[in-house]
Amino acid sequence: MMTSIGGYFGLADYESGLFPHHKGILLNTGRNALEYILRSIGNVKGIYLPYYTCEVVLEPLRKLDIPYTFYHIDSKFEIADEIGLKEDEYIIANNYYGIKDDYIHSLALKYNNCLIVDCAQALFAKPVPGIRCFYSTRKYVGVADGGVAYLGNNQDARVSISEVECTSDHDSHLLKRKNFGAEAGFSDYQDNEKKLDNQPIRLMSESTRDILDHIDYEKVVAKRRANFSYLHKALAAQNLLHLPDLDTFACPMAYPFMTETNRNLRKELIDNKIFVARYWPNVELLNSFETEYNMANGVIPLPCDQRYGEREMDRILEIINRK
C-alpha cells in the first residue's frame, strides 16, 4: 500500500527537547500573536503587507480597524518596490518557506522597529534583536494550536491575557493521522482549521506547551535541511525560483518548486499521495498581479519535513521527472 507524503501532521512524538521559543509570549495562534503585537504597539496608523500572504493575517487588522496597503514581491520572495513609511506606520515582511533569514536581517537594518516579521513559515529563524515578530507552530510539528509573539525592544508593553486555550475541540485530526493515515483525518483537519478563525487571544494550551517541550528539535532541523538539500541538488536546474543558499537560513518549511510545464504537476503529486499545499489562493481574490498570481498557482511546496528521508524524496522526484 502506498503511504502518504506531506500534508498536515499527526500528533508529535514524545521525545526530549526544549522549545526554541520558550522565552517568547506563548499564545494560541500565529494570527493572534500578530494581534498581540499590534495591541502592544497601540497607535498603528497603517500597515504594509505583501499580496502574497495568508488571508488570516488580515483578521487582526480588520478586528483592530487598522488600514492596510499591499505591496508586491519578486521571484526571490523579496519586496519589489521602495516603500517609505510615515509616522506610526509599519511593514510586515514574510520569511517565506523559512528560507529568507538573511533577507529579513537586511530589512531590519532598513526599517528598524517599524518592521514586523511574519515567521509563520519559519519556526526556527531566530528573532532579530529589537525586532517584533510572530510564529506559528502547526506548520512544523504536530500540535493543535500555538503561536509565539516577540515584542522587540518593547517587552514592557505586554498585554494582559489570562484565558488559556483548550485543544480538546480541535485536535482530533492529529490522532487520526497518526493512527489511521492522512485521508482518515483530513475532514477533521479542515474542520479544526476553521475553528481557529476569529478566536480571541488566549494563552497557549497546556497540552501544546507540554508537547512542544518534548520534541527533538535538532533531529527536526537536520532532517528538513538534508531533505531540502537533496531536492535542491536534483531540481535546481529546472526551478524557476531564486532560492538562497542553505547556509543562509536555519530550517525550511518546504522546498518551493516552480517549473515550466504543461502538466498539472500538483494534481499528479496529489494523485500519488504526495500532498502539497497551495499558498495562497486568496491572492486571486485580492488582485491578479502577474508575479503573485503565478506564485499562488505555480509554486509547489514539496514536503521535506522530519517525517521523511531520501526514499520519500526519490518518490517525489520520480513523479516530477516523468516524461
C-alpha atoms as a PDB file:
ATOM      1  CA  MET A   1       0.000   0.000   0.000  1.00  0.00           C
ATOM      2  CA  MET A   2       1.345   3.418  -0.968  1.00  0.00           C
ATOM      3  CA  THR A   3       1.903   5.621   2.078  1.00  0.00           C
ATOM      4  CA  SER A   4       1.096   9.318   2.056  1.00  0.00           C
ATOM      5  CA  ILE A   5       3.755  12.024   1.960  1.00  0.00           C
ATOM      6  CA  GLY A   6       3.160  15.589   3.129  1.00  0.00           C
ATOM      7  CA  GLY A   7       0.007  17.292   4.292  1.00  0.00           C
ATOM      8  CA  TYR A   8      -0.997  18.062   7.849  1.00  0.00           C
ATOM      9  CA  PHE A   9       0.865  16.488  10.775  1.00  0.00           C
ATOM     10  CA  GLY A  10      -0.114  13.699  13.093  1.00  0.00           C
ATOM     11  CA  LEU A  11       0.385  14.079  16.824  1.00  0.00           C
ATOM     12  CA  ALA A  12       4.055  14.808  17.530  1.00  0.00           C
ATOM     13  CA  ASP A  13       6.162  12.024  19.037  1.00  0.00           C
ATOM     14  CA  TYR A  14       7.038  12.468  22.701  1.00  0.00           C
ATOM     15  CA  GLU A  15      10.802  12.870  22.937  1.00  0.00           C
ATOM     16  CA  SER A  16      13.328  15.049  24.758  1.00  0.00           C
ATOM     17  CA  GLY A  17      13.833  18.641  23.731  1.00  0.00           C
ATOM     18  CA  LEU A  18      13.365  22.311  24.552  1.00  0.00           C
ATOM     19  CA  PHE A  19      11.019  24.519  22.560  1.00  0.00           C
ATOM     20  CA  PRO A  20      13.230  27.137  20.847  1.00  0.00           C
ATOM     21  CA  HIS A  21      10.744  29.923  21.645  1.00  0.00           C
ATOM     22  CA  HIS A  22      10.113  29.172  25.311  1.00  0.00           C
ATOM     23  CA  LYS A  23      11.124  32.777  26.123  1.00  0.00           C
ATOM     24  CA  GLY A  24       8.543  34.232  23.732  1.00  0.00           C
ATOM     25  CA  ILE A  25       4.936  35.099  24.539  1.00  0.00           C
ATOM     26  CA  LEU A  26       3.114  31.794  24.044  1.00  0.00           C
ATOM     27  CA  LEU A  27      -0.363  32.218  22.569  1.00  0.00           C
ATOM     28  CA  ASN A  28      -2.997  30.129  20.817  1.00  0.00           C
ATOM     29  CA  THR A  29      -2.413  31.028  17.117  1.00  0.00           C
ATOM     30  CA  GLY A  30       0.016  32.872  14.882  1.00  0.00           C
ATOM     31  CA  ARG A  31      -2.603  35.398  13.779  1.00  0.00           C
ATOM     32  CA  ASN A  32      -3.363  36.170  17.417  1.00  0.00           C
ATOM     33  CA  ALA A  33       0.339  36.608  18.045  1.00  0.00           C
ATOM     34  CA  LEU A  34       0.226  39.335  15.391  1.00  0.00           C
ATOM     35  CA  GLU A  35      -2.820  40.886  17.062  1.00  0.00           C
ATOM     36  CA  TYR A  36      -0.976  40.801  20.375  1.00  0.00           C
ATOM     37  CA  ILE A  37       1.939  42.684  18.800  1.00  0.00           C
ATOM     38  CA  LEU A  38      -0.366  45.296  17.279  1.00  0.00           C
ATOM     39  CA  ARG A  39      -2.179  45.792  20.579  1.00  0.00           C
ATOM     40  CA  SER A  40       1.163  46.217  22.353  1.00  0.00           C
ATOM     41  CA  ILE A  41       2.121  49.000  19.925  1.00  0.00           C
ATOM     42  CA  GLY A  42      -1.160  50.808  20.415  1.00  0.00           C
ATOM     43  CA  ASN A  43      -1.196  53.620  17.883  1.00  0.00           C
ATOM     44  CA  VAL A  44      -0.875  51.955  14.464  1.00  0.00           C
ATOM     45  CA  LYS A  45      -1.972  54.243  11.649  1.00  0.00           C
ATOM     46  CA  GLY A  46      -1.212  51.860   8.810  1.00  0.00           C
ATOM     47  CA  ILE A  47       0.302  48.511   7.840  1.00  0.00           C
ATOM     48  CA  TYR A  48       2.045  47.468   4.636  1.00  0.00           C
ATOM     49  CA  LEU A  49       1.908  43.742   3.860  1.00  0.00           C
ATOM     50  CA  PRO A  50       2.532  41.549   0.806  1.00  0.00           C
ATOM     51  CA  TYR A  51      -0.144  40.494  -1.671  1.00  0.00           C
ATOM     52  CA  TYR A  52       1.386  37.034  -1.461  1.00  0.00           C
ATOM     53  CA  THR A  53       0.398  36.149   2.077  1.00  0.00           C
ATOM     54  CA  CYS A  54      -2.174  34.185   4.028  1.00  0.00           C
ATOM     55  CA  GLU A  55      -5.562  35.851   4.279  1.00  0.00           C
ATOM     56  CA  VAL A  56      -5.751  35.096   8.020  1.00  0.00           C
ATOM     57  CA  VAL A  57      -3.159  37.854   8.540  1.00  0.00           C
ATOM     58  CA  LEU A  58      -5.936  40.297   7.668  1.00  0.00           C
ATOM     59  CA  GLU A  59      -8.046  39.012  10.550  1.00  0.00           C
ATOM     60  CA  PRO A  60      -6.336  41.045  13.324  1.00  0.00           C
ATOM     61  CA  LEU A  61      -6.030  44.112  11.082  1.00  0.00           C
ATOM     62  CA  ARG A  62      -9.755  44.130  10.442  1.00  0.00           C
ATOM     63  CA  LYS A  63     -10.544  43.374  14.069  1.00  0.00           C
ATOM     64  CA  LEU A  64      -8.469  46.363  15.203  1.00  0.00           C
ATOM     65  CA  ASP A  65      -9.670  48.543  12.317  1.00  0.00           C
ATOM     66  CA  ILE A  66      -6.116  49.189  11.098  1.00  0.00           C
ATOM     67  CA  PRO A  67      -5.780  50.485   7.490  1.00  0.00           C
ATOM     68  CA  TYR A  68      -3.534  48.308   5.312  1.00  0.00           C
ATOM     69  CA  THR A  69      -1.824  48.566   1.942  1.00  0.00           C
ATOM     70  CA  PHE A  70      -0.485  45.678  -0.136  1.00  0.00           C
ATOM     71  CA  TYR A  71       2.929  45.584  -1.794  1.00  0.00           C
ATOM     72  CA  HIS A  72       4.491  43.352  -4.464  1.00  0.00           C
ATOM     73  CA  ILE A  73       7.288  40.813  -4.148  1.00  0.00           C
ATOM     74  CA  ASP A  74       9.617  39.399  -6.798  1.00  0.00           C
ATOM     75  CA  SER A  75      10.724  35.880  -7.759  1.00  0.00           C
ATOM     76  CA  LYS A  76      13.251  35.875  -4.902  1.00  0.00           C
ATOM     77  CA  PHE A  77      10.403  36.392  -2.390  1.00  0.00           C
ATOM     78  CA  GLU A  78      11.668  39.905  -1.696  1.00  0.00           C
ATOM     79  CA  ILE A  79       9.943  43.312  -1.669  1.00  0.00           C
ATOM     80  CA  ALA A  80       9.756  44.545  -5.254  1.00  0.00           C
ATOM     81  CA  ASP A  81       9.210  48.285  -4.734  1.00  0.00           C
ATOM     82  CA  GLU A  82      10.598  51.002  -2.498  1.00  0.00           C
ATOM     83  CA  ILE A  83       8.285  51.571   0.464  1.00  0.00           C
ATOM     84  CA  GLY A  84       8.523  54.721   2.538  1.00  0.00           C
ATOM     85  CA  LEU A  85       6.829  54.573   5.916  1.00  0.00           C
ATOM     86  CA  LYS A  86       5.186  57.544   7.579  1.00  0.00           C
ATOM     87  CA  GLU A  87       4.989  58.075  11.321  1.00  0.00           C
ATOM     88  CA  ASP A  88       3.221  55.223  13.145  1.00  0.00           C
ATOM     89  CA  GLU A  89       3.178  53.051  10.019  1.00  0.00           C
ATOM     90  CA  TYR A  90       4.654  49.547   9.988  1.00  0.00           C
ATOM     91  CA  ILE A  91       5.578  46.940   7.424  1.00  0.00           C
ATOM     92  CA  ILE A  92       5.042  43.181   7.703  1.00  0.00           C
ATOM     93  CA  ALA A  93       7.617  41.084   5.846  1.00  0.00           C
ATOM     94  CA  ASN A  94       7.330  37.317   5.428  1.00  0.00           C
ATOM     95  CA  ASN A  95      10.124  34.846   5.964  1.00  0.00           C
ATOM     96  CA  TYR A  96       8.778  32.748   3.097  1.00  0.00           C
ATOM     97  CA  TYR A  97       9.143  28.971   3.445  1.00  0.00           C
ATOM     98  CA  GLY A  98      11.662  29.577   6.239  1.00  0.00           C
ATOM     99  CA  ILE A  99      14.433  30.372   3.745  1.00  0.00           C
ATOM    100  CA  LYS A 100      14.712  34.187   3.922  1.00  0.00           C
ATOM    101  CA  ASP A 101      16.593  34.643   7.207  1.00  0.00           C
ATOM    102  CA  ASP A 102      19.408  36.713   5.687  1.00  0.00           C
ATOM    103  CA  TYR A 103      16.988  38.941   3.819  1.00  0.00           C
ATOM    104  CA  ILE A 104      14.975  39.588   6.980  1.00  0.00           C
ATOM    105  CA  HIS A 105      18.161  40.774   8.686  1.00  0.00           C
ATOM    106  CA  SER A 106      18.726  43.259   5.863  1.00  0.00           C
ATOM    107  CA  LEU A 107      15.165  44.560   6.231  1.00  0.00           C
ATOM    108  CA  ALA A 108      15.713  45.011   9.969  1.00  0.00           C
ATOM    109  CA  LEU A 109      18.608  47.354   9.214  1.00  0.00           C
ATOM    110  CA  LYS A 110      16.392  49.326   6.841  1.00  0.00           C
ATOM    111  CA  TYR A 111      13.120  49.565   8.774  1.00  0.00           C
ATOM    112  CA  ASN A 112      14.325  49.071  12.370  1.00  0.00           C
ATOM    113  CA  ASN A 113      11.437  48.913  14.860  1.00  0.00           C
ATOM    114  CA  CYS A 114       8.872  49.632  12.135  1.00  0.00           C
ATOM    115  CA  LEU A 115       9.380  46.083  10.861  1.00  0.00           C
ATOM    116  CA  ILE A 116       7.161  43.175  11.934  1.00  0.00           C
ATOM    117  CA  VAL A 117       8.365  39.776  10.721  1.00  0.00           C
ATOM    118  CA  ASP A 118       5.861  37.075   9.806  1.00  0.00           C
ATOM    119  CA  CYS A 119       7.650  33.855  10.758  1.00  0.00           C
ATOM    120  CA  ALA A 120       4.587  31.627  10.390  1.00  0.00           C
ATOM    121  CA  GLN A 121       6.612  29.605   7.848  1.00  0.00           C
ATOM    122  CA  ALA A 122       9.939  29.964   9.675  1.00  0.00           C
ATOM    123  CA  LEU A 123       9.710  28.362  13.102  1.00  0.00           C
ATOM    124  CA  PHE A 124      13.479  28.044  13.547  1.00  0.00           C
ATOM    125  CA  ALA A 125      14.511  31.503  12.354  1.00  0.00           C
ATOM    126  CA  LYS A 126      15.809  33.329  15.415  1.00  0.00           C
ATOM    127  CA  PRO A 127      14.171  36.642  16.299  1.00  0.00           C
ATOM    128  CA  VAL A 128      16.250  39.588  15.117  1.00  0.00           C
ATOM    129  CA  PRO A 129      17.264  41.577  18.218  1.00  0.00           C
ATOM    130  CA  GLY A 130      14.961  44.537  18.739  1.00  0.00           C
ATOM    131  CA  ILE A 131      12.505  43.481  16.014  1.00  0.00           C
ATOM    132  CA  ARG A 132       8.905  42.385  16.533  1.00  0.00           C
ATOM    133  CA  CYS A 133       7.986  39.005  15.051  1.00  0.00           C
ATOM    134  CA  PHE A 134       5.453  36.215  15.345  1.00  0.00           C
ATOM    135  CA  TYR A 135       5.465  32.453  14.783  1.00  0.00           C
ATOM    136  CA  SER A 136       3.054  29.563  14.258  1.00  0.00           C
ATOM    137  CA  THR A 137       3.940  26.050  15.392  1.00  0.00           C
ATOM    138  CA  ARG A 138       1.490  23.922  13.407  1.00  0.00           C
ATOM    139  CA  LYS A 139       3.350  24.045  10.079  1.00  0.00           C
ATOM    140  CA  TYR A 140       6.380  22.311  11.561  1.00  0.00           C
ATOM    141  CA  VAL A 141       5.185  19.882  14.243  1.00  0.00           C
ATOM    142  CA  GLY A 142       2.030  18.021  15.206  1.00  0.00           C
ATOM    143  CA  VAL A 143       0.170  20.251  17.659  1.00  0.00           C
ATOM    144  CA  ALA A 144      -3.403  21.588  17.646  1.00  0.00           C
ATOM    145  CA  ASP A 145      -2.598  25.234  18.336  1.00  0.00           C
ATOM    146  CA  GLY A 146       0.336  27.501  19.043  1.00  0.00           C
ATOM    147  CA  GLY A 147       1.572  30.984  18.277  1.00  0.00           C
ATOM    148  CA  VAL A 148       4.506  32.993  19.616  1.00  0.00           C
ATOM    149  CA  ALA A 149       4.968  36.755  19.798  1.00  0.00           C
ATOM    150  CA  TYR A 150       8.126  38.786  20.378  1.00  0.00           C
ATOM    151  CA  LEU A 151       7.862  42.487  21.114  1.00  0.00           C
ATOM    152  CA  GLY A 152      11.389  43.512  20.156  1.00  0.00           C
ATOM    153  CA  ASN A 153      12.576  46.326  22.393  1.00  0.00           C
ATOM    154  CA  ASN A 154       9.091  46.827  23.843  1.00  0.00           C
ATOM    155  CA  GLN A 155       8.854  43.911  26.271  1.00  0.00           C
ATOM    156  CA  ASP A 156       7.274  46.185  28.893  1.00  0.00           C
ATOM    157  CA  ALA A 157       4.268  46.696  26.589  1.00  0.00           C
ATOM    158  CA  ARG A 158       2.840  43.253  27.289  1.00  0.00           C
ATOM    159  CA  VAL A 159      -0.922  42.832  27.026  1.00  0.00           C
ATOM    160  CA  SER A 160      -2.721  41.123  29.889  1.00  0.00           C
ATOM    161  CA  ILE A 161      -4.057  37.711  28.806  1.00  0.00           C
ATOM    162  CA  SER A 162      -5.392  35.169  31.303  1.00  0.00           C
ATOM    163  CA  GLU A 163      -7.638  32.769  29.358  1.00  0.00           C
ATOM    164  CA  VAL A 164      -5.927  29.530  28.288  1.00  0.00           C
ATOM    165  CA  GLU A 165      -6.679  27.752  25.007  1.00  0.00           C
ATOM    166  CA  CYS A 166      -8.423  24.367  25.183  1.00  0.00           C
ATOM    167  CA  THR A 167      -7.432  21.996  22.386  1.00  0.00           C
ATOM    168  CA  SER A 168      -9.990  19.265  23.009  1.00  0.00           C
ATOM    169  CA  ASP A 169     -12.401  20.581  20.367  1.00  0.00           C
ATOM    170  CA  HIS A 170      -9.841  20.912  17.541  1.00  0.00           C
ATOM    171  CA  ASP A 171      -7.213  18.188  17.902  1.00  0.00           C
ATOM    172  CA  SER A 172      -8.994  15.093  16.532  1.00  0.00           C
ATOM    173  CA  HIS A 173      -7.092  15.177  13.215  1.00  0.00           C
ATOM    174  CA  LEU A 174      -3.752  14.720  14.989  1.00  0.00           C
ATOM    175  CA  LEU A 175      -4.598  11.318  16.411  1.00  0.00           C
ATOM    176  CA  LYS A 176      -6.450  10.163  13.309  1.00  0.00           C
ATOM    177  CA  ARG A 177      -3.482  10.998  11.068  1.00  0.00           C
ATOM    178  CA  LYS A 178      -1.039   9.275  13.403  1.00  0.00           C
ATOM    179  CA  ASN A 179      -3.126   6.131  13.849  1.00  0.00           C
ATOM    180  CA  PHE A 180      -5.028   5.783  10.573  1.00  0.00           C
ATOM    181  CA  GLY A 181      -3.283   7.904   7.933  1.00  0.00           C
ATOM    182  CA  ALA A 182      -3.753  11.250   6.193  1.00  0.00           C
ATOM    183  CA  GLU A 183      -7.043  10.532   4.456  1.00  0.00           C
ATOM    184  CA  ALA A 184      -8.750   9.384   7.670  1.00  0.00           C
ATOM    185  CA  GLY A 185      -8.309  12.706   9.428  1.00  0.00           C
ATOM    186  CA  PHE A 186      -8.423  15.175   6.545  1.00  0.00           C
ATOM    187  CA  SER A 187     -12.020  16.294   7.011  1.00  0.00           C
ATOM    188  CA  ASP A 188     -11.341  16.727  10.733  1.00  0.00           C
ATOM    189  CA  TYR A 189      -8.276  18.787   9.845  1.00  0.00           C
ATOM    190  CA  GLN A 190     -10.315  21.093   7.611  1.00  0.00           C
ATOM    191  CA  ASP A 191     -12.996  21.497  10.285  1.00  0.00           C
ATOM    192  CA  ASN A 192     -10.447  22.138  13.002  1.00  0.00           C
ATOM    193  CA  GLU A 193      -8.657  24.761  10.908  1.00  0.00           C
ATOM    194  CA  LYS A 194     -11.949  26.652  10.559  1.00  0.00           C
ATOM    195  CA  LYS A 195     -12.415  26.570  14.321  1.00  0.00           C
ATOM    196  CA  LEU A 196      -9.275  28.689  14.685  1.00  0.00           C
ATOM    197  CA  ASP A 197     -10.831  31.572  12.743  1.00  0.00           C
ATOM    198  CA  ASN A 198     -11.681  34.704  14.732  1.00  0.00           C
ATOM    199  CA  GLN A 199     -10.641  33.221  18.054  1.00  0.00           C
ATOM    200  CA  PRO A 200      -9.893  35.590  20.954  1.00  0.00           C
ATOM    201  CA  ILE A 201      -6.295  35.883  22.070  1.00  0.00           C
ATOM    202  CA  ARG A 202      -5.622  33.134  24.588  1.00  0.00           C
ATOM    203  CA  LEU A 203      -2.525  31.684  26.162  1.00  0.00           C
ATOM    204  CA  MET A 204      -1.169  28.542  24.502  1.00  0.00           C
ATOM    205  CA  SER A 205      -2.844  25.371  25.756  1.00  0.00           C
ATOM    206  CA  GLU A 206      -1.098  23.360  28.433  1.00  0.00           C
ATOM    207  CA  SER A 207      -1.143  20.237  26.250  1.00  0.00           C
ATOM    208  CA  THR A 208       0.554  22.039  23.363  1.00  0.00           C
ATOM    209  CA  ARG A 209       3.171  23.547  25.677  1.00  0.00           C
ATOM    210  CA  ASP A 210       3.902  20.084  27.034  1.00  0.00           C
ATOM    211  CA  ILE A 211       4.276  18.558  23.563  1.00  0.00           C
ATOM    212  CA  LEU A 212       6.485  21.430  22.364  1.00  0.00           C
ATOM    213  CA  ASP A 213       8.825  20.819  25.292  1.00  0.00           C
ATOM    214  CA  HIS A 214       9.201  17.166  24.298  1.00  0.00           C
ATOM    215  CA  ILE A 215      10.296  17.271  20.653  1.00  0.00           C
ATOM    216  CA  ASP A 216      13.791  16.519  19.358  1.00  0.00           C
ATOM    217  CA  TYR A 217      14.313  19.799  17.514  1.00  0.00           C
ATOM    218  CA  GLU A 218      17.872  19.000  16.482  1.00  0.00           C
ATOM    219  CA  LYS A 219      16.552  15.986  14.584  1.00  0.00           C
ATOM    220  CA  VAL A 220      13.725  18.064  13.075  1.00  0.00           C
ATOM    221  CA  VAL A 221      16.161  20.667  11.749  1.00  0.00           C
ATOM    222  CA  ALA A 222      18.715  18.125  10.499  1.00  0.00           C
ATOM    223  CA  LYS A 223      16.088  16.105   8.607  1.00  0.00           C
ATOM    224  CA  ARG A 224      14.488  19.133   6.986  1.00  0.00           C
ATOM    225  CA  ARG A 225      17.801  20.610   5.893  1.00  0.00           C
ATOM    226  CA  ALA A 226      19.022  17.277   4.496  1.00  0.00           C
ATOM    227  CA  ASN A 227      15.803  16.700   2.539  1.00  0.00           C
ATOM    228  CA  PHE A 228      15.773  20.285   1.226  1.00  0.00           C
ATOM    229  CA  SER A 229      19.371  19.902   0.041  1.00  0.00           C
ATOM    230  CA  TYR A 230      18.578  16.553  -1.612  1.00  0.00           C
ATOM    231  CA  LEU A 231      15.663  18.045  -3.551  1.00  0.00           C
ATOM    232  CA  HIS A 232      17.584  21.170  -4.493  1.00  0.00           C
ATOM    233  CA  LYS A 233      20.507  19.221  -5.960  1.00  0.00           C
ATOM    234  CA  ALA A 234      18.064  17.346  -8.165  1.00  0.00           C
ATOM    235  CA  LEU A 235      15.737  20.212  -9.094  1.00  0.00           C
ATOM    236  CA  ALA A 236      17.749  23.449  -9.023  1.00  0.00           C
ATOM    237  CA  ALA A 237      18.371  23.445 -12.781  1.00  0.00           C
ATOM    238  CA  GLN A 238      14.635  23.395 -13.574  1.00  0.00           C
ATOM    239  CA  ASN A 239      13.406  25.520 -10.670  1.00  0.00           C
ATOM    240  CA  LEU A 240      12.320  28.981 -11.840  1.00  0.00           C
ATOM    241  CA  LEU A 241      12.550  30.372  -8.312  1.00  0.00           C
ATOM    242  CA  HIS A 242      15.714  32.004  -6.997  1.00  0.00           C
ATOM    243  CA  LEU A 243      16.383  30.136  -3.750  1.00  0.00           C
ATOM    244  CA  PRO A 244      19.067  31.258  -1.278  1.00  0.00           C
ATOM    245  CA  ASP A 245      21.953  29.045  -0.234  1.00  0.00           C
ATOM    246  CA  LEU A 246      21.238  26.538   2.516  1.00  0.00           C
ATOM    247  CA  ASP A 247      23.797  28.145   4.821  1.00  0.00           C
ATOM    248  CA  THR A 248      21.825  31.430   4.869  1.00  0.00           C
ATOM    249  CA  PHE A 249      18.764  30.118   6.740  1.00  0.00           C
ATOM    250  CA  ALA A 250      18.078  27.948   9.766  1.00  0.00           C
ATOM    251  CA  CYS A 251      15.423  25.473   8.643  1.00  0.00           C
ATOM    252  CA  PRO A 252      12.990  25.253   5.707  1.00  0.00           C
ATOM    253  CA  MET A 253       9.278  24.611   5.981  1.00  0.00           C
ATOM    254  CA  ALA A 254       9.140  23.098   2.477  1.00  0.00           C
ATOM    255  CA  TYR A 255      11.050  23.126  -0.811  1.00  0.00           C
ATOM    256  CA  PRO A 256       9.361  25.737  -3.051  1.00  0.00           C
ATOM    257  CA  PHE A 257       9.408  24.498  -6.638  1.00  0.00           C
ATOM    258  CA  MET A 258       8.142  26.172  -9.802  1.00  0.00           C
ATOM    259  CA  THR A 259       8.772  24.947 -13.320  1.00  0.00           C
ATOM    260  CA  GLU A 260       7.617  25.483 -16.884  1.00  0.00           C
ATOM    261  CA  THR A 261       5.344  22.611 -17.791  1.00  0.00           C
ATOM    262  CA  ASN A 262       2.035  21.879 -19.483  1.00  0.00           C
ATOM    263  CA  ARG A 263       1.392  19.129 -16.946  1.00  0.00           C
ATOM    264  CA  ASN A 264      -0.795  19.590 -13.885  1.00  0.00           C
ATOM    265  CA  LEU A 265       2.076  18.580 -11.657  1.00  0.00           C
ATOM    266  CA  ARG A 266       0.287  19.479  -8.437  1.00  0.00           C
ATOM    267  CA  LYS A 267      -2.569  17.117  -9.302  1.00  0.00           C
ATOM    268  CA  GLU A 268      -0.159  14.337 -10.322  1.00  0.00           C
ATOM    269  CA  LEU A 269       1.601  14.582  -6.979  1.00  0.00           C
ATOM    270  CA  ILE A 270      -1.651  14.567  -5.020  1.00  0.00           C
ATOM    271  CA  ASP A 271      -2.980  11.644  -7.085  1.00  0.00           C
ATOM    272  CA  ASN A 272       0.137   9.753  -5.986  1.00  0.00           C
ATOM    273  CA  LYS A 273      -0.494  10.588  -2.321  1.00  0.00           C
ATOM    274  CA  ILE A 274       2.097  13.344  -2.157  1.00  0.00           C
ATOM    275  CA  PHE A 275       0.085  16.104  -0.570  1.00  0.00           C
ATOM    276  CA  VAL A 276       1.264  19.588  -1.475  1.00  0.00           C
ATOM    277  CA  ALA A 277      -0.407  22.742  -0.213  1.00  0.00           C
ATOM    278  CA  ARG A 278      -1.342  25.784  -2.261  1.00  0.00           C
ATOM    279  CA  TYR A 279      -0.147  29.120  -0.836  1.00  0.00           C
ATOM    280  CA  TRP A 280      -2.232  31.243  -1.127  1.00  0.00           C
ATOM    281  CA  PRO A 281      -5.354  31.057  -3.305  1.00  0.00           C
ATOM    282  CA  ASN A 282      -6.673  34.294  -1.778  1.00  0.00           C
ATOM    283  CA  VAL A 283      -4.146  36.184  -3.950  1.00  0.00           C
ATOM    284  CA  GLU A 284      -6.590  35.818  -6.832  1.00  0.00           C
ATOM    285  CA  LEU A 285      -9.305  37.479  -4.788  1.00  0.00           C
ATOM    286  CA  LEU A 286      -7.106  40.447  -3.930  1.00  0.00           C
ATOM    287  CA  ASN A 287      -5.853  41.253  -7.428  1.00  0.00           C
ATOM    288  CA  SER A 288      -4.491  39.215 -10.304  1.00  0.00           C
ATOM    289  CA  PHE A 289      -0.985  40.663 -10.390  1.00  0.00           C
ATOM    290  CA  GLU A 290       1.247  38.504 -12.512  1.00  0.00           C
ATOM    291  CA  THR A 291       4.048  37.581 -10.094  1.00  0.00           C
ATOM    292  CA  GLU A 292       1.819  36.883  -7.106  1.00  0.00           C
ATOM    293  CA  TYR A 293      -0.832  35.156  -9.219  1.00  0.00           C
ATOM    294  CA  ASN A 294       1.789  32.901 -10.804  1.00  0.00           C
ATOM    295  CA  MET A 295       3.244  32.083  -7.413  1.00  0.00           C
ATOM    296  CA  ALA A 296      -0.135  31.251  -5.905  1.00  0.00           C
ATOM    297  CA  ASN A 297      -0.859  28.904  -8.800  1.00  0.00           C
ATOM    298  CA  GLY A 298       2.600  27.731  -9.791  1.00  0.00           C
ATOM    299  CA  VAL A 299       4.717  27.344  -6.644  1.00  0.00           C
ATOM    300  CA  ILE A 300       4.564  23.768  -5.361  1.00  0.00           C
ATOM    301  CA  PRO A 301       5.858  23.440  -1.785  1.00  0.00           C
ATOM    302  CA  LEU A 302       7.398  19.980  -1.842  1.00  0.00           C
ATOM    303  CA  PRO A 303       7.377  18.155   1.519  1.00  0.00           C
ATOM    304  CA  CYS A 304      10.837  17.920   3.078  1.00  0.00           C
ATOM    305  CA  ASP A 305       9.952  17.599   6.740  1.00  0.00           C
ATOM    306  CA  GLN A 306      11.230  15.358   9.532  1.00  0.00           C
ATOM    307  CA  ARG A 307       8.831  12.501   8.773  1.00  0.00           C
ATOM    308  CA  TYR A 308      10.758  11.596   5.615  1.00  0.00           C
ATOM    309  CA  GLY A 309      14.143  10.726   4.176  1.00  0.00           C
ATOM    310  CA  GLU A 310      15.791  10.057   0.814  1.00  0.00           C
ATOM    311  CA  ARG A 311      13.366   7.262  -0.085  1.00  0.00           C
ATOM    312  CA  GLU A 312      10.405   9.637   0.063  1.00  0.00           C
ATOM    313  CA  MET A 313      12.365  12.395  -1.695  1.00  0.00           C
ATOM    314  CA  ASP A 314      13.135   9.950  -4.514  1.00  0.00           C
ATOM    315  CA  ARG A 315       9.445   9.144  -4.830  1.00  0.00           C
ATOM    316  CA  ILE A 316       8.691  12.861  -5.230  1.00  0.00           C
ATOM    317  CA  LEU A 317      11.473  13.260  -7.799  1.00  0.00           C
ATOM    318  CA  GLU A 318      10.334  10.240  -9.783  1.00  0.00           C
ATOM    319  CA  ILE A 319       6.921  11.810 -10.347  1.00  0.00           C
ATOM    320  CA  ILE A 320       8.348  15.251 -11.187  1.00  0.00           C
ATOM    321  CA  ASN A 321      10.803  13.784 -13.702  1.00  0.00           C
ATOM    322  CA  ARG A 322       8.280  11.613 -15.542  1.00  0.00           C
ATOM    323  CA  LYS A 323       8.078  12.380 -19.253  1.00  0.00           C
END
